[in-house]
Amino acid sequence: MDRTTQATNALVATSITLWGIATGLSYEVLLAGFAGGLVSLSFLPPMGIWRRIWTPVTATLTAGYTAPIAAHYLASMLSGIDMLASLVFSAFCLGLAAQFLIPIAIKRAQKKAETIGEPQP
């Protein structure tokens, strides 16, 4: 790994940590979501530079806001699991799956909105 890549990775990790502190979100969760977003890039088709930037960003945001709910559910299902481990694991998985889950959620919301707008017989 060259020095530019190392410096970029360090800058991104520092930015995520500071942003997490500023917003009150756990930086461990944000970093795990970011890592999941980076892994998801290997499964996605080739894309432009802006999409490659926004993919980990949306994964980070998705993990930051939804991982606590998923971690609580996971901890209630598995007895004896550490809450922090559950939180980080959930954040990574949500960051990894964000690019697949977000379009599904949008389609479901649009379908639900269409059925609400239709007159009932």
Protein backbone atom coordinates (compact mmCIF):
# COMPACT_ATOMS: atom_id res chain seq x y z
CA MET A 1 0.00 0.00 0.00
CA ASP A 2 1.48 3.33 -1.01
CA ARG A 3 1.74 6.40 1.23
CA THR A 4 -1.12 8.25 -0.50
CA THR A 5 -3.55 5.40 0.12
CA GLN A 6 -2.43 5.09 3.74
CA ALA A 7 -2.83 8.82 4.30
CA THR A 8 -6.28 8.79 2.69
CA ASN A 9 -7.43 5.87 4.83
CA ALA A 10 -6.14 7.58 7.98
CA LEU A 11 -7.90 10.82 7.04
CA VAL A 12 -11.19 9.02 6.39
CA ALA A 13 -11.00 7.08 9.67
CA THR A 14 -10.22 10.27 11.59
CA SER A 15 -13.05 12.14 9.89
CA ILE A 16 -15.54 9.37 10.68
CA THR A 17 -14.43 9.32 14.31
CA LEU A 18 -14.76 13.11 14.69
CA TRP A 19 -18.11 13.15 12.90
CA GLY A 20 -19.34 10.38 15.18
CA ILE A 21 -18.30 12.32 18.27
CA ALA A 22 -19.95 15.49 16.94
CA THR A 23 -23.26 13.75 16.17
CA GLY A 24 -23.30 11.53 19.24
CA LEU A 25 -23.07 8.33 17.22
CA SER A 26 -20.65 5.63 18.27
CA TYR A 27 -17.47 5.86 16.25
CA GLU A 28 -16.98 2.09 16.49
CA VAL A 29 -20.31 1.63 14.75
CA LEU A 30 -19.48 4.22 12.09
CA LEU A 31 -16.09 2.65 11.36
CA ALA A 32 -17.62 -0.84 11.16
CA GLY A 33 -20.31 0.46 8.79
CA PHE A 34 -17.65 2.18 6.69
CA ALA A 35 -15.67 -1.07 6.50
CA GLY A 36 -18.81 -2.92 5.42
CA GLY A 37 -19.39 -0.27 2.74
CA LEU A 38 -15.85 -0.73 1.44
CA VAL A 39 -16.34 -4.49 1.26
CA SER A 40 -19.64 -4.00 -0.60
CA LEU A 41 -17.77 -2.11 -3.35
CA SER A 42 -16.20 -5.42 -4.40
CA PHE A 43 -19.67 -6.87 -5.11
CA LEU A 44 -21.07 -3.90 -7.02
CA PRO A 45 -20.65 -3.32 -10.76
CA PRO A 46 -18.10 -0.75 -11.96
CA MET A 47 -19.19 2.82 -11.26
CA GLY A 48 -18.02 6.39 -11.39
CA ILE A 49 -15.91 8.11 -8.76
CA TRP A 50 -18.82 9.90 -7.03
CA ARG A 51 -20.78 6.68 -6.66
CA ARG A 52 -17.68 4.99 -5.24
CA ILE A 53 -17.44 7.80 -2.69
CA TRP A 54 -21.12 7.80 -1.74
CA THR A 55 -21.39 4.01 -1.37
CA PRO A 56 -19.33 3.86 1.85
CA VAL A 57 -20.86 7.13 3.07
CA THR A 58 -24.42 5.78 2.80
CA ALA A 59 -23.28 2.51 4.35
CA THR A 60 -21.77 4.44 7.26
CA LEU A 61 -24.93 6.48 7.80
CA THR A 62 -27.18 3.43 7.53
CA ALA A 63 -25.09 1.51 10.03
CA GLY A 64 -24.80 4.47 12.38
CA TYR A 65 -28.53 4.92 12.72
CA THR A 66 -29.82 1.33 12.43
CA ALA A 67 -27.13 -0.82 14.05
CA PRO A 68 -28.22 -0.08 17.64
CA ILE A 69 -31.67 -1.50 16.86
CA ALA A 70 -30.23 -4.55 15.12
CA ALA A 71 -27.70 -5.08 17.92
CA HIS A 72 -30.39 -5.00 20.58
CA TYR A 73 -32.42 -7.57 18.62
CA LEU A 74 -29.33 -9.74 18.07
CA ALA A 75 -28.36 -9.58 21.75
CA SER A 76 -31.89 -10.58 22.78
CA MET A 77 -31.80 -13.57 20.42
CA LEU A 78 -28.35 -14.81 21.44
CA SER A 79 -27.81 -15.13 25.17
CA GLY A 80 -24.39 -14.28 26.52
CA ILE A 81 -23.26 -12.09 23.63
CA ASP A 82 -21.46 -8.88 24.47
CA MET A 83 -23.47 -5.79 23.48
CA LEU A 84 -20.45 -4.00 21.95
CA ALA A 85 -19.57 -7.05 19.86
CA SER A 86 -23.18 -7.30 18.77
CA LEU A 87 -23.20 -3.60 17.89
CA VAL A 88 -20.02 -3.72 15.81
CA PHE A 89 -21.07 -6.94 14.04
CA SER A 90 -24.49 -5.48 13.23
CA ALA A 91 -22.92 -2.27 11.94
CA PHE A 92 -20.56 -4.15 9.64
CA CYS A 93 -23.37 -6.34 8.27
CA LEU A 94 -25.67 -3.35 7.74
CA GLY A 95 -22.86 -1.42 6.05
CA LEU A 96 -22.23 -4.40 3.81
CA ALA A 97 -25.90 -4.82 2.90
CA ALA A 98 -26.89 -1.14 2.73
CA GLN A 99 -26.55 -0.89 -1.05
CA PHE A 100 -28.96 -3.80 -1.42
CA LEU A 101 -31.37 -2.96 1.43
CA ILE A 102 -31.93 0.73 0.63
CA PRO A 103 -33.37 0.15 -2.89
CA ILE A 104 -35.64 -2.60 -1.51
CA ALA A 105 -36.91 -0.27 1.22
CA ILE A 106 -37.55 2.50 -1.32
CA LYS A 107 -39.50 0.16 -3.62
CA ARG A 108 -41.61 -1.10 -0.71
CA ALA A 109 -42.36 2.45 0.41
CA GLN A 110 -43.36 3.46 -3.13
CA LYS A 111 -45.60 0.40 -3.45
CA LYS A 112 -47.20 1.16 -0.09
CA ALA A 113 -47.74 4.81 -1.12
CA GLU A 114 -49.42 3.71 -4.34
CA THR A 115 -51.82 1.40 -2.50
CA ILE A 116 -52.67 4.10 0.04
CA GLY A 117 -53.47 6.57 -2.75
CA GLU A 118 -55.85 4.19 -4.57
CA PRO A 119 -59.57 4.39 -3.76
CA GLN A 120 -60.87 1.39 -1.80
CA PRO A 121 -63.86 -0.51 -3.31
